[in-house]
Protein backbone atom coordinates (compact mmCIF):
# COMPACT_ATOMS: atom_id res chain seq x y z
CA MET A 1 58.93 0.47 -10.07
CA ALA A 2 57.92 2.77 -7.24
CA MET A 3 54.48 3.24 -8.76
CA ASP A 4 54.07 -0.55 -9.00
CA GLU A 5 55.11 -1.06 -5.40
CA LEU A 6 52.98 1.78 -3.99
CA PRO A 7 49.62 -0.07 -4.07
CA VAL A 8 51.14 -3.06 -2.24
CA THR A 9 52.74 -0.78 0.34
CA ALA A 10 49.49 1.12 0.79
CA HIS A 11 47.53 -2.12 1.28
CA LEU A 12 50.04 -3.38 3.84
CA GLU A 13 49.88 -0.09 5.73
CA GLU A 14 46.08 -0.21 5.70
CA LEU A 15 46.16 -3.82 6.93
CA ARG A 16 48.55 -2.84 9.71
CA ARG A 17 46.28 0.00 10.78
CA ARG A 18 43.21 -2.25 10.85
CA LEU A 19 45.06 -4.92 12.84
CA ILE A 20 46.17 -2.35 15.41
CA ILE A 21 42.57 -1.16 15.84
CA CYS A 22 41.41 -4.78 16.29
CA ALA A 23 44.17 -5.45 18.83
CA CYS A 24 43.34 -2.29 20.80
CA ALA A 25 39.63 -3.18 20.85
CA TRP A 26 40.47 -6.68 22.09
CA LEU A 27 42.84 -5.29 24.75
CA VAL A 28 40.24 -2.84 26.10
CA ALA A 29 37.58 -5.57 26.19
CA PHE A 30 40.04 -7.96 27.85
CA LEU A 31 40.83 -5.46 30.60
CA GLY A 32 37.13 -4.92 31.17
CA CYS A 33 36.46 -8.65 31.37
CA TYR A 34 39.39 -9.40 33.67
CA GLY A 35 37.67 -7.65 36.57
CA PHE A 36 34.84 -10.18 36.21
CA ALA A 37 36.98 -13.18 35.22
CA GLU A 38 36.04 -15.34 38.21
CA ARG A 39 32.33 -14.65 37.66
CA LEU A 40 32.67 -15.34 33.93
CA TYR A 41 34.40 -18.63 34.62
CA ARG A 42 31.65 -19.72 37.00
CA PHE A 43 29.11 -18.96 34.27
CA VAL A 44 31.04 -20.95 31.66
CA ALA A 45 31.47 -23.84 34.11
CA GLU A 46 27.78 -24.17 34.99
CA PRO A 47 27.06 -27.01 32.50
CA VAL A 48 29.90 -29.18 33.75
CA MET A 49 29.14 -28.39 37.41
CA ALA A 50 25.58 -29.60 36.85
CA ALA A 51 26.92 -32.82 35.30
CA LEU A 52 29.43 -33.60 38.08
CA PRO A 53 28.35 -35.88 40.94
CA GLU A 54 27.03 -34.16 44.02
CA GLY A 55 29.79 -32.74 46.16
CA LYS A 56 32.32 -32.70 43.32
CA SER A 57 33.81 -29.58 41.72
CA LEU A 58 36.54 -28.54 39.32
CA VAL A 59 40.10 -28.61 40.62
CA PHE A 60 43.43 -27.01 39.79
CA ILE A 61 46.58 -29.10 39.71
CA SER A 62 49.22 -26.36 39.72
CA ALA A 63 49.59 -23.21 41.79
CA THR A 64 49.42 -20.90 38.75
CA GLU A 65 46.49 -22.63 37.02
CA PRO A 66 43.69 -20.41 38.42
CA PHE A 67 45.58 -17.21 37.51
CA PHE A 68 46.24 -18.23 33.91
CA THR A 69 42.77 -19.74 33.55
CA TYR A 70 41.17 -16.44 34.54
CA LEU A 71 43.48 -14.64 32.09
CA LYS A 72 42.31 -16.94 29.31
CA VAL A 73 38.62 -16.61 30.13
CA ALA A 74 39.02 -12.81 30.16
CA ALA A 75 40.80 -12.97 26.80
CA PHE A 76 38.03 -15.14 25.35
CA GLY A 77 35.32 -12.87 26.72
CA GLY A 78 37.19 -9.84 25.40
CA LEU A 79 37.33 -11.42 21.95
CA LEU A 80 33.57 -11.89 21.95
CA LEU A 81 32.98 -8.31 23.09
CA ALA A 82 35.40 -6.93 20.51
CA LEU A 83 33.93 -9.04 17.69
CA PRO A 84 31.76 -6.24 16.19
CA VAL A 85 34.80 -3.95 15.96
CA ILE A 86 36.94 -6.72 14.47
CA LEU A 87 34.30 -7.60 11.87
CA TRP A 88 33.85 -3.93 11.00
CA GLN A 89 37.60 -3.54 10.43
CA ILE A 90 37.65 -6.66 8.26
CA TRP A 91 34.83 -5.22 6.19
CA GLN A 92 36.50 -1.84 5.86
CA PHE A 93 39.65 -3.55 4.59
CA VAL A 94 37.96 -5.67 1.92
CA ALA A 95 35.23 -3.18 0.93
CA PRO A 96 37.34 -1.19 -1.58
CA GLY A 97 37.63 -4.31 -3.72
CA LEU A 98 33.85 -4.90 -3.85
CA TYR A 99 31.24 -3.57 -6.23
CA GLY A 100 28.92 -0.72 -5.25
CA PRO A 101 25.90 -2.80 -4.12
CA GLU A 102 28.08 -5.01 -1.91
CA LYS A 103 29.72 -2.00 -0.25
CA ARG A 104 26.36 -0.99 1.21
CA LEU A 105 26.15 -4.27 3.14
CA ALA A 106 28.66 -3.21 5.81
CA LEU A 107 26.24 -2.75 8.71
CA PRO A 108 24.05 -5.78 7.83
CA PHE A 109 27.23 -7.87 7.54
CA VAL A 110 28.46 -6.91 11.01
CA VAL A 111 25.03 -7.29 12.64
CA ALA A 112 24.24 -10.61 10.94
CA SER A 113 27.71 -12.05 11.62
CA CYS A 114 27.56 -11.14 15.31
CA ALA A 115 24.03 -12.51 15.58
CA CYS A 116 24.97 -15.81 13.91
CA PHE A 117 28.09 -16.19 16.06
CA ALA A 118 26.16 -15.43 19.25
CA THR A 119 23.41 -17.88 18.24
CA GLY A 120 25.99 -20.60 17.65
CA THR A 121 27.72 -20.11 20.99
CA LEU A 122 24.40 -19.99 22.85
CA PHE A 123 23.24 -23.15 21.10
CA GLY A 124 26.44 -24.91 22.12
CA TYR A 125 26.31 -23.63 25.70
CA LEU A 126 22.60 -24.20 26.39
CA TYR A 127 21.88 -27.42 24.49
CA VAL A 128 25.10 -29.23 23.58
CA PHE A 129 27.22 -28.73 26.69
CA PRO A 130 24.75 -30.40 29.10
CA MET A 131 24.45 -33.48 26.86
CA VAL A 132 28.17 -33.76 26.13
CA PHE A 133 29.38 -33.38 29.71
CA ARG A 134 26.72 -35.67 31.16
CA PHE A 135 27.79 -38.28 28.63
CA LEU A 136 31.53 -37.89 29.23
CA ILE A 137 31.34 -37.68 33.03
CA GLY A 138 29.00 -40.68 32.99
CA PHE A 139 32.05 -42.87 32.41
CA GLY A 140 32.98 -42.35 36.06
CA THR A 141 32.43 -45.37 38.30
CA ASP A 142 32.91 -46.32 41.93
CA THR A 143 36.58 -46.94 41.16
CA ILE A 144 37.07 -44.08 38.66
CA ASP A 145 36.41 -40.65 40.13
CA PRO A 146 35.80 -37.77 37.67
CA MET A 147 38.24 -34.96 38.46
CA LEU A 148 38.36 -32.16 35.88
CA SER A 149 40.89 -29.34 36.04
CA MET A 150 39.95 -25.70 35.47
CA ALA A 151 42.36 -25.25 32.56
CA ASP A 152 41.35 -28.44 30.73
CA TYR A 153 37.67 -27.59 30.98
CA LEU A 154 38.20 -24.04 29.72
CA ALA A 155 40.29 -25.28 26.78
CA LEU A 156 37.59 -27.76 25.77
CA SER A 157 34.63 -25.44 26.31
CA SER A 158 36.21 -22.46 24.51
CA ARG A 159 37.12 -24.66 21.55
CA LEU A 160 33.56 -25.93 21.36
CA LEU A 161 32.07 -22.45 21.65
CA LEU A 162 34.30 -21.14 18.87
CA ALA A 163 33.44 -24.16 16.72
CA PHE A 164 29.70 -23.61 17.07
CA GLY A 165 30.06 -19.87 16.55
CA LEU A 166 32.03 -20.35 13.34
CA VAL A 167 29.72 -23.05 11.98
CA PHE A 168 26.74 -20.76 12.44
CA GLU A 169 28.49 -18.22 10.20
CA LEU A 170 28.00 -20.58 7.24
CA PRO A 171 24.91 -18.81 5.79
CA ILE A 172 26.80 -15.48 5.89
CA VAL A 173 29.75 -17.00 4.03
CA ILE A 174 27.46 -18.57 1.43
CA PHE A 175 25.58 -15.28 1.04
CA PHE A 176 28.72 -13.38 0.07
CA LEU A 177 30.05 -16.15 -2.15
CA ALA A 178 26.70 -16.14 -3.94
CA ARG A 179 26.60 -12.34 -4.19
CA LEU A 180 30.07 -12.37 -5.75
CA GLY A 181 28.99 -15.01 -8.25
CA ILE A 182 31.43 -17.63 -6.97
CA VAL A 183 28.71 -20.18 -6.15
CA ASP A 184 24.99 -20.47 -6.84
CA HIS A 185 22.18 -22.58 -5.41
CA HIS A 186 22.44 -25.13 -8.24
CA TRP A 187 26.13 -25.73 -7.50
CA LEU A 188 25.48 -25.94 -3.76
CA ALA A 189 22.66 -28.44 -4.20
CA LYS A 190 24.72 -30.50 -6.63
CA ASN A 191 27.58 -30.73 -4.10
CA ARG A 192 25.42 -31.52 -1.10
CA LYS A 193 27.13 -34.89 -0.64
CA TYR A 194 30.49 -33.17 -0.16
CA ALA A 195 28.93 -30.88 2.42
CA LEU A 196 27.78 -34.01 4.28
CA LEU A 197 31.33 -35.33 4.30
CA LEU A 198 32.75 -31.95 5.32
CA ALA A 199 30.24 -31.66 8.18
CA PHE A 200 31.48 -34.85 9.80
CA VAL A 201 35.13 -34.01 9.15
CA VAL A 202 34.64 -30.61 10.84
CA GLY A 203 32.77 -32.30 13.69
CA ALA A 204 35.58 -34.84 14.15
CA VAL A 205 38.32 -32.18 14.12
CA LEU A 206 36.71 -29.53 16.33
CA THR A 207 34.93 -31.63 18.95
CA PRO A 208 35.94 -34.32 21.46
CA PRO A 209 36.12 -37.86 20.05
CA ASP A 210 32.59 -38.84 21.01
CA VAL A 211 29.61 -39.30 18.75
CA ILE A 212 27.33 -36.87 20.61
CA SER A 213 29.70 -33.93 20.19
CA GLN A 214 30.35 -34.72 16.54
CA LEU A 215 26.67 -35.08 15.68
CA SER A 216 25.84 -31.93 17.65
CA LEU A 217 28.15 -29.96 15.33
CA ALA A 218 27.59 -31.87 12.10
CA ILE A 219 23.77 -31.68 12.14
CA PRO A 220 23.63 -27.86 12.52
CA PHE A 221 26.30 -27.62 9.79
CA LEU A 222 24.06 -29.56 7.39
CA LEU A 223 20.94 -27.61 8.33
CA LEU A 224 22.74 -24.31 7.88
CA TYR A 225 24.08 -25.50 4.53
CA GLU A 226 20.49 -26.02 3.43
CA VAL A 227 19.69 -22.51 4.70
CA GLY A 228 22.64 -21.30 2.64
CA ILE A 229 21.16 -22.88 -0.50
CA VAL A 230 17.94 -20.91 0.05
CA VAL A 231 19.96 -17.75 0.69
CA ALA A 232 21.95 -18.29 -2.51
CA ARG A 233 18.71 -18.81 -4.47
CA LEU A 234 17.21 -15.57 -3.14
CA PHE A 235 20.22 -13.26 -3.16
CA GLY A 236 22.86 -14.80 -5.41
CA ALA A 237 24.23 -13.19 -8.54
CA PRO A 238 24.16 -15.20 -11.78
CA ILE A 239 27.29 -17.19 -12.58
CA VAL A 240 28.45 -16.93 -16.17
CA ASP A 241 30.79 -19.14 -18.17
CA ARG A 242 30.71 -21.97 -15.65
CA GLU A 243 31.95 -25.21 -17.15
CA GLU A 244 29.76 -28.20 -16.52
């Protein structure tokens, strides 16, 4: 019985160790970002500030809102800075269960995942945010004055940035599923219609309820799915015994 339980105990201990390393990396990055939290928030708020009418700015509606908002922006920035360490720890945890060729993909996995996530967040920040906030703030009229709070804007913007970052990880996910023989390019192409449905479901769940935000997430999802099909064709392992 002890021999049977030992592997499970060892895996749990390894998982605990990896999680502690991830938490420490996040904490160190958070502390580093907190000293620049106000500057980081101004940077994140630039798209909405450009969309607000002249003379308008973000507001806070409770005495503690700026303090907790800066804590959250530092935590979000720390997460982004700690992402390479977190991804490396994830890889080190799952690597023992992979085959030899896949184990050598550790560094490319971390680099490609960070690059895809950064590309997604930059795409959202530089191209989607200006369109979305101009559209939403455009509902203001002479009798309806747009007044956005710091906390609400950070909650919305961080959710959007995470959504775009995760969606841009799709080719990486497809690459590993294809390398493990779970999917291939034929299966992906055959199920393209379900990817179309999933793209709009993801867009509806992760973005505000407006068509611009949803399309801005759904269209990259579909394009990256097509990239994933090409990736699966080039790098995928053959799938055997698949039932039609």
